[in-house]
Amino acid sequence: MGAGFCEETEAGARVATHCLYPSFSPVSVFVTKVGDGYHVSDRGGAIRSSWLHGRETAQAGRLLAQEAERYHLQVRDMALEATAPSIDWLKAAILAVANASANAAMAAIGKIVAAAEGALKDRIKDELERSVPLERIGSDIVITGKHRSCSKRLT
């Protein structure tokens, strides 16, 4: 279930999981007892991770909502939350919140990387067009190469 690390805090029991944010820090969830059940929250961990990697909160919030829907969670104050009706459901709630939190942060970072790659590709093309005739510029082409020990198709 988790990394085996549990620490009592003012926000509840903080459980470190094996799920990771893009920075490779473990996702921690917070568990509190509510009646006969349990409340599990990432306390905004996905949003914090996204923000630390340069993603705007509103954009990351949309991805958070998508992950919440996928894992049947709630979003409250930019935090992912689940309710486990009994101890039997607690492990599933912890895993759902941790996985959704990690996935939301990863998706937010992935959008940044894709945008940066697209911008870099456009800049390279612009620079090439200044010094090379347009008909000599190609993109998205297949180059086949050969090495002494193997053949490999490069794309």
N, C-alpha and C. Protein backbone atom coordinates (compact mmCIF):
# COMPACT_ATOMS: atom_id res chain seq x y z
N MET A 1 0.83 -1.19 0.00
CA MET A 1 0.00 0.00 0.00
C MET A 1 0.87 1.24 0.00
N GLY A 2 1.63 1.43 1.01
CA GLY A 2 2.41 2.66 1.11
C GLY A 2 3.86 2.34 1.31
N ALA A 3 4.63 3.38 1.54
CA ALA A 3 6.06 3.22 1.75
C ALA A 3 6.34 2.76 3.17
N GLY A 4 5.29 2.59 3.99
CA GLY A 4 5.50 2.13 5.34
C GLY A 4 5.76 3.27 6.32
N PHE A 5 5.60 4.49 5.89
CA PHE A 5 5.87 5.63 6.74
C PHE A 5 4.57 6.32 7.09
N CYS A 6 4.27 6.41 8.38
CA CYS A 6 3.06 7.08 8.83
C CYS A 6 3.44 7.97 10.01
N GLU A 7 2.98 9.21 9.94
CA GLU A 7 3.32 10.19 10.98
C GLU A 7 2.06 10.94 11.37
N GLU A 8 1.83 11.07 12.66
CA GLU A 8 0.67 11.80 13.15
C GLU A 8 0.93 13.29 13.03
N THR A 9 -0.01 14.03 12.40
CA THR A 9 0.11 15.49 12.25
C THR A 9 -1.21 16.13 12.68
N GLU A 10 -1.24 17.45 12.72
CA GLU A 10 -2.48 18.15 13.05
C GLU A 10 -3.55 17.90 11.99
N ALA A 11 -3.14 17.59 10.76
CA ALA A 11 -4.08 17.35 9.66
C ALA A 11 -4.52 15.89 9.59
N GLY A 12 -4.04 15.05 10.49
CA GLY A 12 -4.35 13.62 10.47
C GLY A 12 -3.09 12.81 10.30
N ALA A 13 -3.25 11.52 10.12
CA ALA A 13 -2.11 10.64 9.91
C ALA A 13 -1.60 10.84 8.49
N ARG A 14 -0.34 11.25 8.36
CA ARG A 14 0.27 11.44 7.04
C ARG A 14 0.91 10.13 6.63
N VAL A 15 0.43 9.57 5.52
CA VAL A 15 0.92 8.28 5.03
C VAL A 15 1.71 8.54 3.75
N ALA A 16 2.99 8.23 3.77
CA ALA A 16 3.84 8.34 2.57
C ALA A 16 3.60 7.10 1.72
N THR A 17 3.35 7.29 0.43
CA THR A 17 3.07 6.17 -0.46
C THR A 17 4.23 5.96 -1.44
N HIS A 18 4.12 4.92 -2.24
CA HIS A 18 5.11 4.66 -3.28
C HIS A 18 4.85 5.46 -4.54
N CYS A 19 3.71 6.15 -4.63
CA CYS A 19 3.43 7.00 -5.78
C CYS A 19 4.35 8.21 -5.72
N LEU A 20 4.75 8.70 -6.88
CA LEU A 20 5.71 9.81 -6.94
C LEU A 20 5.17 10.97 -7.75
N TYR A 21 5.52 12.17 -7.30
CA TYR A 21 5.28 13.38 -8.08
C TYR A 21 6.39 13.52 -9.12
N PRO A 22 6.26 14.44 -10.08
CA PRO A 22 7.30 14.61 -11.11
C PRO A 22 8.69 14.90 -10.54
N SER A 23 8.76 15.44 -9.34
CA SER A 23 10.05 15.73 -8.70
C SER A 23 10.63 14.50 -8.02
N PHE A 24 9.94 13.37 -8.12
CA PHE A 24 10.29 12.10 -7.50
C PHE A 24 10.11 12.10 -5.98
N SER A 25 9.42 13.09 -5.45
CA SER A 25 9.08 13.05 -4.04
C SER A 25 7.83 12.20 -3.88
N PRO A 26 7.74 11.45 -2.79
CA PRO A 26 6.58 10.57 -2.62
C PRO A 26 5.30 11.36 -2.36
N VAL A 27 4.20 10.83 -2.86
CA VAL A 27 2.89 11.40 -2.58
C VAL A 27 2.50 10.98 -1.17
N SER A 28 2.13 11.94 -0.35
CA SER A 28 1.62 11.66 0.98
C SER A 28 0.15 11.98 1.01
N VAL A 29 -0.61 11.15 1.71
CA VAL A 29 -2.03 11.41 1.91
C VAL A 29 -2.27 11.54 3.41
N PHE A 30 -3.34 12.21 3.74
CA PHE A 30 -3.68 12.45 5.14
C PHE A 30 -4.98 11.74 5.46
N VAL A 31 -4.97 10.96 6.52
CA VAL A 31 -6.12 10.14 6.90
C VAL A 31 -6.64 10.60 8.26
N THR A 32 -7.95 10.83 8.32
CA THR A 32 -8.60 11.17 9.58
C THR A 32 -9.81 10.26 9.77
N LYS A 33 -10.10 9.96 11.02
CA LYS A 33 -11.25 9.13 11.36
C LYS A 33 -12.48 10.01 11.39
N VAL A 34 -13.56 9.58 10.71
CA VAL A 34 -14.82 10.31 10.68
C VAL A 34 -15.93 9.30 10.95
N GLY A 35 -16.50 9.35 12.14
CA GLY A 35 -17.53 8.38 12.50
C GLY A 35 -16.98 6.97 12.43
N ASP A 36 -17.65 6.10 11.69
CA ASP A 36 -17.19 4.73 11.51
C ASP A 36 -16.20 4.61 10.35
N GLY A 37 -16.05 5.68 9.56
CA GLY A 37 -15.21 5.64 8.37
C GLY A 37 -13.97 6.51 8.49
N TYR A 38 -13.40 6.81 7.31
CA TYR A 38 -12.15 7.57 7.24
C TYR A 38 -12.23 8.57 6.09
N HIS A 39 -11.57 9.67 6.28
CA HIS A 39 -11.45 10.71 5.24
C HIS A 39 -9.98 10.70 4.80
N VAL A 40 -9.75 10.67 3.48
CA VAL A 40 -8.40 10.64 2.93
C VAL A 40 -8.25 11.83 1.98
N SER A 41 -7.15 12.57 2.10
CA SER A 41 -6.93 13.76 1.26
C SER A 41 -5.45 13.90 0.90
N ASP A 42 -5.20 14.48 -0.27
CA ASP A 42 -3.82 14.82 -0.62
C ASP A 42 -3.46 16.22 -0.13
N ARG A 43 -4.43 16.93 0.44
CA ARG A 43 -4.26 18.29 0.98
C ARG A 43 -3.61 19.23 -0.04
N GLY A 44 -3.99 19.08 -1.30
CA GLY A 44 -3.48 19.97 -2.34
C GLY A 44 -2.11 19.62 -2.87
N GLY A 45 -1.64 18.42 -2.61
CA GLY A 45 -0.29 18.01 -3.05
C GLY A 45 -0.09 18.07 -4.55
N ALA A 46 -1.09 17.64 -5.32
CA ALA A 46 -0.97 17.66 -6.79
C ALA A 46 -0.86 19.09 -7.30
N ILE A 47 -1.67 19.97 -6.76
CA ILE A 47 -1.64 21.38 -7.19
C ILE A 47 -0.31 22.01 -6.81
N ARG A 48 0.17 21.72 -5.60
CA ARG A 48 1.46 22.26 -5.14
C ARG A 48 2.59 21.79 -6.05
N SER A 49 2.58 20.50 -6.38
CA SER A 49 3.62 19.95 -7.26
C SER A 49 3.56 20.59 -8.63
N SER A 50 2.36 20.75 -9.18
CA SER A 50 2.20 21.39 -10.49
C SER A 50 2.70 22.82 -10.46
N TRP A 51 2.36 23.54 -9.40
CA TRP A 51 2.77 24.94 -9.26
C TRP A 51 4.29 25.05 -9.18
N LEU A 52 4.92 24.13 -8.43
CA LEU A 52 6.38 24.15 -8.30
C LEU A 52 7.07 23.93 -9.65
N HIS A 53 6.38 23.26 -10.57
CA HIS A 53 6.94 23.01 -11.89
C HIS A 53 6.45 24.01 -12.94
N GLY A 54 5.87 25.11 -12.48
CA GLY A 54 5.52 26.19 -13.39
C GLY A 54 4.14 26.14 -14.00
N ARG A 55 3.27 25.31 -13.51
CA ARG A 55 1.92 25.19 -14.07
C ARG A 55 0.98 26.10 -13.30
N GLU A 56 0.12 26.81 -14.03
CA GLU A 56 -0.85 27.69 -13.37
C GLU A 56 -1.88 26.85 -12.63
N THR A 57 -2.33 27.35 -11.50
CA THR A 57 -3.27 26.62 -10.65
C THR A 57 -4.56 26.30 -11.38
N ALA A 58 -5.11 27.23 -12.15
CA ALA A 58 -6.38 26.99 -12.84
C ALA A 58 -6.24 25.85 -13.85
N GLN A 59 -5.15 25.82 -14.59
CA GLN A 59 -4.94 24.75 -15.56
C GLN A 59 -4.75 23.42 -14.86
N ALA A 60 -3.97 23.42 -13.80
CA ALA A 60 -3.74 22.19 -13.05
C ALA A 60 -5.04 21.73 -12.40
N GLY A 61 -5.89 22.66 -12.01
CA GLY A 61 -7.17 22.33 -11.41
C GLY A 61 -8.07 21.55 -12.35
N ARG A 62 -8.02 21.87 -13.63
CA ARG A 62 -8.82 21.13 -14.61
C ARG A 62 -8.33 19.67 -14.70
N LEU A 63 -7.02 19.49 -14.67
CA LEU A 63 -6.47 18.14 -14.72
C LEU A 63 -6.80 17.38 -13.43
N LEU A 64 -6.82 18.10 -12.32
CA LEU A 64 -7.18 17.51 -11.04
C LEU A 64 -8.62 16.98 -11.10
N ALA A 65 -9.51 17.76 -11.68
CA ALA A 65 -10.91 17.34 -11.80
C ALA A 65 -11.03 16.09 -12.67
N GLN A 66 -10.24 16.00 -13.73
CA GLN A 66 -10.27 14.82 -14.59
C GLN A 66 -9.83 13.57 -13.83
N GLU A 67 -8.77 13.70 -13.05
CA GLU A 67 -8.29 12.55 -12.27
C GLU A 67 -9.28 12.18 -11.18
N ALA A 68 -9.90 13.18 -10.58
CA ALA A 68 -10.91 12.92 -9.55
C ALA A 68 -12.05 12.10 -10.14
N GLU A 69 -12.48 12.47 -11.34
CA GLU A 69 -13.55 11.73 -11.99
C GLU A 69 -13.12 10.30 -12.30
N ARG A 70 -11.90 10.14 -12.79
CA ARG A 70 -11.38 8.81 -13.13
C ARG A 70 -11.35 7.90 -11.91
N TYR A 71 -10.96 8.43 -10.76
CA TYR A 71 -10.82 7.62 -9.55
C TYR A 71 -12.03 7.73 -8.61
N HIS A 72 -13.09 8.39 -9.06
CA HIS A 72 -14.32 8.55 -8.26
C HIS A 72 -14.03 9.24 -6.93
N LEU A 73 -13.30 10.36 -7.02
CA LEU A 73 -12.95 11.16 -5.85
C LEU A 73 -13.67 12.50 -5.90
N GLN A 74 -13.56 13.25 -4.84
CA GLN A 74 -14.08 14.61 -4.80
C GLN A 74 -12.89 15.57 -4.80
N VAL A 75 -13.14 16.79 -5.29
CA VAL A 75 -12.16 17.86 -5.21
C VAL A 75 -12.77 18.94 -4.33
N ARG A 76 -12.06 19.29 -3.27
CA ARG A 76 -12.51 20.34 -2.37
C ARG A 76 -11.32 21.22 -2.03
N ASP A 77 -11.45 22.52 -2.31
CA ASP A 77 -10.36 23.47 -2.05
C ASP A 77 -9.05 23.02 -2.70
N MET A 78 -9.15 22.56 -3.95
CA MET A 78 -8.01 22.13 -4.77
C MET A 78 -7.28 20.92 -4.17
N ALA A 79 -7.99 20.12 -3.39
CA ALA A 79 -7.43 18.89 -2.82
C ALA A 79 -8.29 17.71 -3.26
N LEU A 80 -7.64 16.59 -3.52
CA LEU A 80 -8.34 15.35 -3.83
C LEU A 80 -8.76 14.68 -2.53
N GLU A 81 -10.00 14.18 -2.48
CA GLU A 81 -10.51 13.58 -1.26
C GLU A 81 -11.32 12.33 -1.55
N ALA A 82 -11.27 11.40 -0.60
CA ALA A 82 -12.08 10.18 -0.67
C ALA A 82 -12.60 9.87 0.72
N THR A 83 -13.70 9.15 0.75
CA THR A 83 -14.25 8.68 2.02
C THR A 83 -14.27 7.17 1.99
N ALA A 84 -13.67 6.57 3.01
CA ALA A 84 -13.71 5.12 3.16
C ALA A 84 -14.74 4.81 4.25
N PRO A 85 -15.80 4.09 3.91
CA PRO A 85 -16.85 3.86 4.89
C PRO A 85 -16.42 2.97 6.07
N SER A 86 -15.34 2.20 5.88
CA SER A 86 -14.83 1.34 6.95
C SER A 86 -13.34 1.09 6.72
N ILE A 87 -12.71 0.44 7.69
CA ILE A 87 -11.29 0.12 7.59
C ILE A 87 -11.02 -0.76 6.37
N ASP A 88 -12.00 -1.56 5.98
CA ASP A 88 -11.84 -2.45 4.82
C ASP A 88 -11.61 -1.67 3.52
N TRP A 89 -12.10 -0.43 3.45
CA TRP A 89 -11.99 0.39 2.25
C TRP A 89 -10.86 1.41 2.35
N LEU A 90 -10.18 1.47 3.48
CA LEU A 90 -9.16 2.51 3.68
C LEU A 90 -7.99 2.37 2.71
N LYS A 91 -7.49 1.17 2.51
CA LYS A 91 -6.35 0.97 1.59
C LYS A 91 -6.72 1.44 0.18
N ALA A 92 -7.91 1.10 -0.28
CA ALA A 92 -8.35 1.50 -1.62
C ALA A 92 -8.45 3.03 -1.71
N ALA A 93 -8.95 3.66 -0.67
CA ALA A 93 -9.08 5.12 -0.67
C ALA A 93 -7.71 5.78 -0.70
N ILE A 94 -6.77 5.27 0.09
CA ILE A 94 -5.40 5.82 0.11
C ILE A 94 -4.77 5.70 -1.27
N LEU A 95 -4.88 4.52 -1.88
CA LEU A 95 -4.28 4.30 -3.20
C LEU A 95 -4.93 5.15 -4.28
N ALA A 96 -6.25 5.30 -4.22
CA ALA A 96 -6.95 6.11 -5.21
C ALA A 96 -6.51 7.56 -5.13
N VAL A 97 -6.45 8.12 -3.93
CA VAL A 97 -6.04 9.52 -3.76
C VAL A 97 -4.59 9.71 -4.18
N ALA A 98 -3.71 8.80 -3.75
CA ALA A 98 -2.28 8.93 -4.09
C ALA A 98 -2.06 8.83 -5.61
N ASN A 99 -2.68 7.84 -6.25
CA ASN A 99 -2.51 7.68 -7.69
C ASN A 99 -3.08 8.87 -8.46
N ALA A 100 -4.25 9.33 -8.07
CA ALA A 100 -4.86 10.47 -8.75
C ALA A 100 -4.00 11.72 -8.58
N SER A 101 -3.45 11.92 -7.40
CA SER A 101 -2.62 13.09 -7.13
C SER A 101 -1.35 13.06 -7.99
N ALA A 102 -0.69 11.91 -8.03
CA ALA A 102 0.51 11.78 -8.86
C ALA A 102 0.19 11.96 -10.34
N ASN A 103 -0.90 11.34 -10.80
CA ASN A 103 -1.28 11.44 -12.21
C ASN A 103 -1.63 12.87 -12.61
N ALA A 104 -2.35 13.59 -11.75
CA ALA A 104 -2.71 14.97 -12.06
C ALA A 104 -1.47 15.84 -12.19
N ALA A 105 -0.52 15.68 -11.27
CA ALA A 105 0.71 16.46 -11.34
C ALA A 105 1.52 16.10 -12.59
N MET A 106 1.60 14.81 -12.90
CA MET A 106 2.34 14.38 -14.09
C MET A 106 1.70 14.92 -15.37
N ALA A 107 0.37 14.89 -15.43
CA ALA A 107 -0.33 15.40 -16.61
C ALA A 107 -0.06 16.89 -16.79
N ALA A 108 -0.06 17.63 -15.69
CA ALA A 108 0.21 19.07 -15.76
C ALA A 108 1.61 19.33 -16.28
N ILE A 109 2.58 18.58 -15.80
CA ILE A 109 3.96 18.76 -16.24
C ILE A 109 4.10 18.33 -17.70
N GLY A 110 3.41 17.27 -18.08
CA GLY A 110 3.46 16.79 -19.47
C GLY A 110 2.99 17.84 -20.45
N LYS A 111 1.99 18.62 -20.08
CA LYS A 111 1.51 19.68 -20.96
C LYS A 111 2.57 20.77 -21.11
N ILE A 112 3.30 21.06 -20.06
CA ILE A 112 4.37 22.06 -20.13
C ILE A 112 5.47 21.57 -21.08
N VAL A 113 5.86 20.31 -20.94
CA VAL A 113 6.93 19.75 -21.78
C VAL A 113 6.50 19.75 -23.24
N ALA A 114 5.28 19.35 -23.54
CA ALA A 114 4.80 19.33 -24.93
C ALA A 114 4.80 20.73 -25.53
N ALA A 115 4.37 21.71 -24.75
CA ALA A 115 4.34 23.09 -25.24
C ALA A 115 5.77 23.59 -25.49
N ALA A 116 6.68 23.27 -24.58
CA ALA A 116 8.08 23.71 -24.74
C ALA A 116 8.71 23.05 -25.96
N GLU A 117 8.44 21.77 -26.19
CA GLU A 117 8.99 21.08 -27.36
C GLU A 117 8.46 21.68 -28.65
N GLY A 118 7.17 22.00 -28.67
CA GLY A 118 6.58 22.62 -29.86
C GLY A 118 7.19 23.98 -30.14
N ALA A 119 7.39 24.77 -29.10
CA ALA A 119 8.00 26.09 -29.25
C ALA A 119 9.43 25.98 -29.75
N LEU A 120 10.19 25.01 -29.23
CA LEU A 120 11.57 24.81 -29.66
C LEU A 120 11.61 24.39 -31.13
N LYS A 121 10.72 23.51 -31.52
CA LYS A 121 10.67 23.06 -32.92
C LYS A 121 10.39 24.25 -33.85
N ASP A 122 9.46 25.12 -33.44
CA ASP A 122 9.13 26.31 -34.24
C ASP A 122 10.32 27.25 -34.34
N ARG A 123 11.05 27.43 -33.23
CA ARG A 123 12.22 28.32 -33.25
C ARG A 123 13.31 27.78 -34.16
N ILE A 124 13.54 26.47 -34.10
CA ILE A 124 14.56 25.86 -34.96
C ILE A 124 14.18 26.04 -36.43
N LYS A 125 12.92 25.81 -36.75
CA LYS A 125 12.45 25.97 -38.13
C LYS A 125 12.65 27.41 -38.60
N ASP A 126 12.29 28.38 -37.77
CA ASP A 126 12.45 29.80 -38.12
C ASP A 126 13.91 30.12 -38.41
N GLU A 127 14.81 29.62 -37.57
CA GLU A 127 16.24 29.89 -37.77
C GLU A 127 16.75 29.23 -39.05
N LEU A 128 16.31 28.01 -39.30
CA LEU A 128 16.73 27.32 -40.52
C LEU A 128 16.27 28.05 -41.77
N GLU A 129 15.04 28.55 -41.75
CA GLU A 129 14.48 29.23 -42.92
C GLU A 129 15.24 30.51 -43.26
N ARG A 130 15.93 31.06 -42.29
CA ARG A 130 16.74 32.27 -42.55
C ARG A 130 18.01 31.96 -43.31
N SER A 131 18.52 30.74 -43.20
CA SER A 131 19.81 30.45 -43.82
C SER A 131 19.79 29.32 -44.85
N VAL A 132 18.71 28.58 -44.95
CA VAL A 132 18.64 27.45 -45.88
C VAL A 132 17.39 27.63 -46.75
N PRO A 133 17.51 27.35 -48.06
CA PRO A 133 16.32 27.44 -48.92
C PRO A 133 15.21 26.52 -48.40
N LEU A 134 13.98 27.02 -48.44
CA LEU A 134 12.83 26.31 -47.90
C LEU A 134 12.68 24.90 -48.45
N GLU A 135 12.97 24.71 -49.74
CA GLU A 135 12.81 23.38 -50.34
C GLU A 135 13.83 22.36 -49.83
N ARG A 136 14.86 22.82 -49.13
CA ARG A 136 15.87 21.91 -48.59
C ARG A 136 15.62 21.56 -47.13
N ILE A 137 14.54 22.09 -46.59
CA ILE A 137 14.21 21.82 -45.18
C ILE A 137 13.12 20.77 -45.13
N GLY A 138 13.35 19.74 -44.34
CA GLY A 138 12.36 18.70 -44.14
C GLY A 138 12.11 18.49 -42.65
N SER A 139 10.98 17.95 -42.35
CA SER A 139 10.70 17.63 -40.95
C SER A 139 9.92 16.33 -40.88
N ASP A 140 9.94 15.71 -39.71
CA ASP A 140 9.24 14.44 -39.50
C ASP A 140 9.60 13.42 -40.58
N ILE A 141 10.89 13.26 -40.81
CA ILE A 141 11.36 12.30 -41.81
C ILE A 141 12.02 11.12 -41.10
N VAL A 142 12.12 10.00 -41.80
CA VAL A 142 12.75 8.80 -41.26
C VAL A 142 14.17 8.73 -41.80
N ILE A 143 15.12 8.54 -40.92
CA ILE A 143 16.52 8.39 -41.30
C ILE A 143 16.96 7.00 -40.87
N THR A 144 17.46 6.22 -41.82
CA THR A 144 17.91 4.87 -41.51
C THR A 144 19.43 4.88 -41.42
N GLY A 145 19.92 4.34 -40.33
CA GLY A 145 21.37 4.30 -40.14
C GLY A 145 21.81 2.88 -39.88
N LYS A 146 23.11 2.66 -39.88
CA LYS A 146 23.64 1.33 -39.65
C LYS A 146 24.88 1.43 -38.78
N HIS A 147 24.96 0.53 -37.84
CA HIS A 147 26.11 0.45 -36.95
C HIS A 147 26.76 -0.90 -37.19
N ARG A 148 28.02 -1.01 -36.85
CA ARG A 148 28.72 -2.28 -37.06
C ARG A 148 27.99 -3.48 -36.48
N SER A 149 27.44 -3.32 -35.29
CA SER A 149 26.86 -4.47 -34.62
C SER A 149 25.35 -4.61 -34.82
N CYS A 150 24.69 -3.58 -35.36
CA CYS A 150 23.24 -3.71 -35.53
C CYS A 150 22.73 -2.68 -36.54
N SER A 151 21.53 -2.92 -37.00
CA SER A 151 20.84 -1.94 -37.84
C SER A 151 19.69 -1.40 -37.00
N LYS A 152 19.45 -0.11 -37.13
CA LYS A 152 18.40 0.51 -36.35
C LYS A 152 17.76 1.62 -37.17
N ARG A 153 16.44 1.65 -37.15
CA ARG A 153 15.71 2.71 -37.83
C ARG A 153 15.53 3.86 -36.85
N LEU A 154 15.93 5.04 -37.25
CA LEU A 154 15.83 6.21 -36.40
C LEU A 154 14.67 7.07 -36.87
N THR A 155 13.86 7.55 -35.93
CA THR A 155 12.76 8.45 -36.30
C THR A 155 12.85 9.71 -35.50
